[in-house]
C-alpha atoms as a PDB file:
ATOM      1  CA  UNK A   1      -0.211   0.545  -0.070  1.00  0.00           C
ATOM      2  CA  UNK A   2       1.443   3.375  -0.598  1.00  0.00           C
ATOM      3  CA  UNK A   3      -0.661   5.691   1.786  1.00  0.00           C
ATOM      4  CA  UNK A   4      -2.178   2.945   4.441  1.00  0.00           C
ATOM      5  CA  UNK A   5       0.499   1.009   7.027  1.00  0.00           C
ATOM      6  CA  UNK A   6      -0.591  -1.955   8.557  1.00  0.00           C
ATOM      7  CA  UNK A   7      -0.072  -2.276  12.485  1.00  0.00           C
ATOM      8  CA  UNK A   8       3.697  -4.014  12.383  1.00  0.00           C
ATOM      9  CA  UNK A   9       4.581  -0.717   9.593  1.00  0.00           C
ATOM     10  CA  UNK A  10       3.851   1.528  11.823  1.00  0.00           C
ATOM     11  CA  UNK A  11       7.190   3.954  12.793  1.00  0.00           C
ATOM     12  CA  UNK A  12       5.468   5.808  15.482  1.00  0.00           C
ATOM     13  CA  UNK A  13       2.768   6.797  17.195  1.00  0.00           C
ATOM     14  CA  UNK A  14       1.256   9.607  14.806  1.00  0.00           C
ATOM     15  CA  UNK A  15      -1.638   7.482  12.993  1.00  0.00           C
ATOM     16  CA  UNK A  16      -5.008   8.044  12.748  1.00  0.00           C
ATOM     17  CA  UNK A  17      -6.632   4.204  13.133  1.00  0.00           C
ATOM     18  CA  UNK A  18      -9.149   3.054  11.101  1.00  0.00           C
ATOM     19  CA  UNK A  19     -10.989   0.171  13.290  1.00  0.00           C
ATOM     20  CA  UNK A  20     -13.288  -2.483  12.124  1.00  0.00           C
ATOM     21  CA  UNK A  21     -16.433  -1.846  13.894  1.00  0.00           C
ATOM     22  CA  UNK A  22     -17.733   0.238  16.325  1.00  0.00           C
ATOM     23  CA  UNK A  23     -14.200   0.600  18.818  1.00  0.00           C
ATOM     24  CA  UNK A  24     -15.196   0.681  22.596  1.00  0.00           C
ATOM     25  CA  UNK A  25     -13.152   0.926  24.984  1.00  0.00           C
ATOM     26  CA  UNK A  26     -15.090  -0.585  28.273  1.00  0.00           C
ATOM     27  CA  UNK A  27     -15.664  -3.443  25.998  1.00  0.00           C
ATOM     28  CA  UNK A  28     -12.075  -3.947  25.987  1.00  0.00           C
ATOM     29  CA  UNK A  29     -11.097  -2.606  22.783  1.00  0.00           C
ATOM     30  CA  UNK A  30      -7.371  -1.219  22.253  1.00  0.00           C
ATOM     31  CA  UNK A  31      -5.546   0.740  19.985  1.00  0.00           C
ATOM     32  CA  UNK A  32      -3.171  -0.218  16.978  1.00  0.00           C
ATOM     33  CA  UNK A  33      -5.212  -3.553  16.379  1.00  0.00           C
ATOM     34  CA  UNK A  34      -3.980  -5.941  13.498  1.00  0.00           C
ATOM     35  CA  UNK A  35      -6.608  -5.833  12.105  1.00  0.00           C
ATOM     36  CA  UNK A  36      -7.078  -1.830  11.371  1.00  0.00           C
ATOM     37  CA  UNK A  37      -4.955  -0.185   8.747  1.00  0.00           C
ATOM     38  CA  UNK A  38      -2.979   3.290   9.342  1.00  0.00           C
ATOM     39  CA  UNK A  39      -2.812   6.663   7.901  1.00  0.00           C
ATOM     40  CA  UNK A  40       0.045   9.209   8.697  1.00  0.00           C
ATOM     41  CA  UNK A  41      -0.990  12.428  10.081  1.00  0.00           C
ATOM     42  CA  UNK A  42       1.040  14.365   7.511  1.00  0.00           C
ATOM     43  CA  UNK A  43      -1.113  12.213   4.623  1.00  0.00           C
ATOM     44  CA  UNK A  44      -4.550  12.374   6.484  1.00  0.00           C
ATOM     45  CA  UNK A  45      -3.893  16.602   6.565  1.00  0.00           C
ATOM     46  CA  UNK A  46      -2.029  16.837   3.236  1.00  0.00           C
ATOM     47  CA  UNK A  47      -4.447  14.595   1.301  1.00  0.00           C
ATOM     48  CA  UNK A  48      -7.567  16.776   1.715  1.00  0.00           C
ATOM     49  CA  UNK A  49      -9.436  13.690   3.881  1.00  0.00           C
ATOM     50  CA  UNK A  50      -9.341  15.431   6.958  1.00  0.00           C
ATOM     51  CA  UNK A  51     -11.024  18.195   5.656  1.00  0.00           C
ATOM     52  CA  UNK A  52     -13.563  16.504   3.880  1.00  0.00           C
ATOM     53  CA  UNK A  53     -14.521  13.994   6.943  1.00  0.00           C
ATOM     54  CA  UNK A  54     -14.654  17.609   8.973  1.00  0.00           C
ATOM     55  CA  UNK A  55     -17.568  18.372   6.312  1.00  0.00           C
ATOM     56  CA  UNK A  56     -19.198  15.165   6.330  1.00  0.00           C
ATOM     57  CA  UNK A  57     -19.646  14.303   9.733  1.00  0.00           C
ATOM     58  CA  UNK A  58     -20.393  17.342  12.078  1.00  0.00           C
ATOM     59  CA  UNK A  59     -18.989  15.457  15.118  1.00  0.00           C
ATOM     60  CA  UNK A  60     -15.535  15.211  13.720  1.00  0.00           C
ATOM     61  CA  UNK A  61     -13.056  15.527  15.980  1.00  0.00           C
ATOM     62  CA  UNK A  62      -9.196  14.217  15.104  1.00  0.00           C
ATOM     63  CA  UNK A  63      -8.119  13.245  18.517  1.00  0.00           C
ATOM     64  CA  UNK A  64     -11.096  10.997  19.261  1.00  0.00           C
ATOM     65  CA  UNK A  65     -13.487   8.352  18.098  1.00  0.00           C
ATOM     66  CA  UNK A  66     -15.193   9.138  15.202  1.00  0.00           C
ATOM     67  CA  UNK A  67     -18.209   6.014  13.579  1.00  0.00           C
ATOM     68  CA  UNK A  68     -18.439   5.971   9.716  1.00  0.00           C
ATOM     69  CA  UNK A  69     -21.184   4.383   8.361  1.00  0.00           C
ATOM     70  CA  UNK A  70     -21.732   3.228   4.780  1.00  0.00           C
ATOM     71  CA  UNK A  71     -23.845   6.299   4.075  1.00  0.00           C
ATOM     72  CA  UNK A  72     -21.183   8.935   5.491  1.00  0.00           C
ATOM     73  CA  UNK A  73     -18.372   7.109   3.620  1.00  0.00           C
ATOM     74  CA  UNK A  74     -20.160   7.225   0.569  1.00  0.00           C
ATOM     75  CA  UNK A  75     -20.184  10.788   0.545  1.00  0.00           C
ATOM     76  CA  UNK A  76     -16.381  11.107   1.879  1.00  0.00           C
ATOM     77  CA  UNK A  77     -15.478   9.352  -1.400  1.00  0.00           C
ATOM     78  CA  UNK A  78     -18.341  11.514  -3.653  1.00  0.00           C
ATOM     79  CA  UNK A  79     -16.050  14.486  -2.296  1.00  0.00           C
ATOM     80  CA  UNK A  80     -13.102  12.706  -2.909  1.00  0.00           C
ATOM     81  CA  UNK A  81     -14.043  11.745  -6.456  1.00  0.00           C
ATOM     82  CA  UNK A  82     -14.504  15.293  -7.053  1.00  0.00           C
ATOM     83  CA  UNK A  83     -11.659  16.636  -5.462  1.00  0.00           C
ATOM     84  CA  UNK A  84      -9.079  14.295  -7.104  1.00  0.00           C
ATOM     85  CA  UNK A  85      -5.470  14.224  -6.687  1.00  0.00           C
ATOM     86  CA  UNK A  86      -3.698  12.350  -3.334  1.00  0.00           C
ATOM     87  CA  UNK A  87      -7.717  11.730  -1.514  1.00  0.00           C
ATOM     88  CA  UNK A  88      -8.874   9.788  -4.117  1.00  0.00           C
ATOM     89  CA  UNK A  89      -5.684   7.815  -4.404  1.00  0.00           C
ATOM     90  CA  UNK A  90      -6.262   7.380  -0.363  1.00  0.00           C
ATOM     91  CA  UNK A  91     -10.335   6.196  -0.574  1.00  0.00           C
ATOM     92  CA  UNK A  92      -9.609   4.317  -3.371  1.00  0.00           C
ATOM     93  CA  UNK A  93      -6.996   2.442  -1.486  1.00  0.00           C
ATOM     94  CA  UNK A  94      -8.848   1.938   1.544  1.00  0.00           C
ATOM     95  CA  UNK A  95     -11.997   0.823  -0.794  1.00  0.00           C
ATOM     96  CA  UNK A  96     -11.455  -3.470   0.174  1.00  0.00           C
ATOM     97  CA  UNK A  97     -10.987  -2.394   3.747  1.00  0.00           C
ATOM     98  CA  UNK A  98     -13.523  -0.234   3.778  1.00  0.00           C
ATOM     99  CA  UNK A  99     -15.977  -2.726   1.744  1.00  0.00           C
ATOM    100  CA  UNK A 100     -15.028  -5.562   4.046  1.00  0.00           C
ATOM    101  CA  UNK A 101     -15.679  -3.285   7.043  1.00  0.00           C
ATOM    102  CA  UNK A 102     -18.815  -2.749   6.344  1.00  0.00           C
ATOM    103  CA  UNK A 103     -20.270  -6.372   5.261  1.00  0.00           C
ATOM    104  CA  UNK A 104     -18.551  -7.758   8.663  1.00  0.00           C
ATOM    105  CA  UNK A 105     -19.079  -4.665  11.169  1.00  0.00           C
ATOM    106  CA  UNK A 106     -22.092  -2.395   9.739  1.00  0.00           C
ATOM    107  CA  UNK A 107     -19.264   0.089  10.585  1.00  0.00           C
ATOM    108  CA  UNK A 108     -15.976   1.060  10.887  1.00  0.00           C
ATOM    109  CA  UNK A 109     -13.881   3.779  13.477  1.00  0.00           C
ATOM    110  CA  UNK A 110     -11.219   6.450  12.889  1.00  0.00           C
ATOM    111  CA  UNK A 111      -9.297   6.319  16.109  1.00  0.00           C
ATOM    112  CA  UNK A 112      -7.514  10.025  16.276  1.00  0.00           C
ATOM    113  CA  UNK A 113      -4.320  11.400  17.395  1.00  0.00           C
END
């Protein structure tokens, strides 16, 4: 992958974690899961994905827990397609993982920094 990394490939903790399902600390969920994919903070910001997420999710918190359902992700992808460039490439790269998350869990969570 060009933009995302797997847990074993992280070189620091400055990554957004894309976690399959609804992340819940109280139910024992923890950070840095092997089934997650990770996007470095620099990429999230410079490609424009953070801006799109803030436009689509009124409660988006770059330091918090952000639940993403299919209809919201579709809007993110629509805006990424319109914008093009790296943000479109990032959403395209995540597509297979996202579809698996939706099929198996119904949603995914973006865990902020």
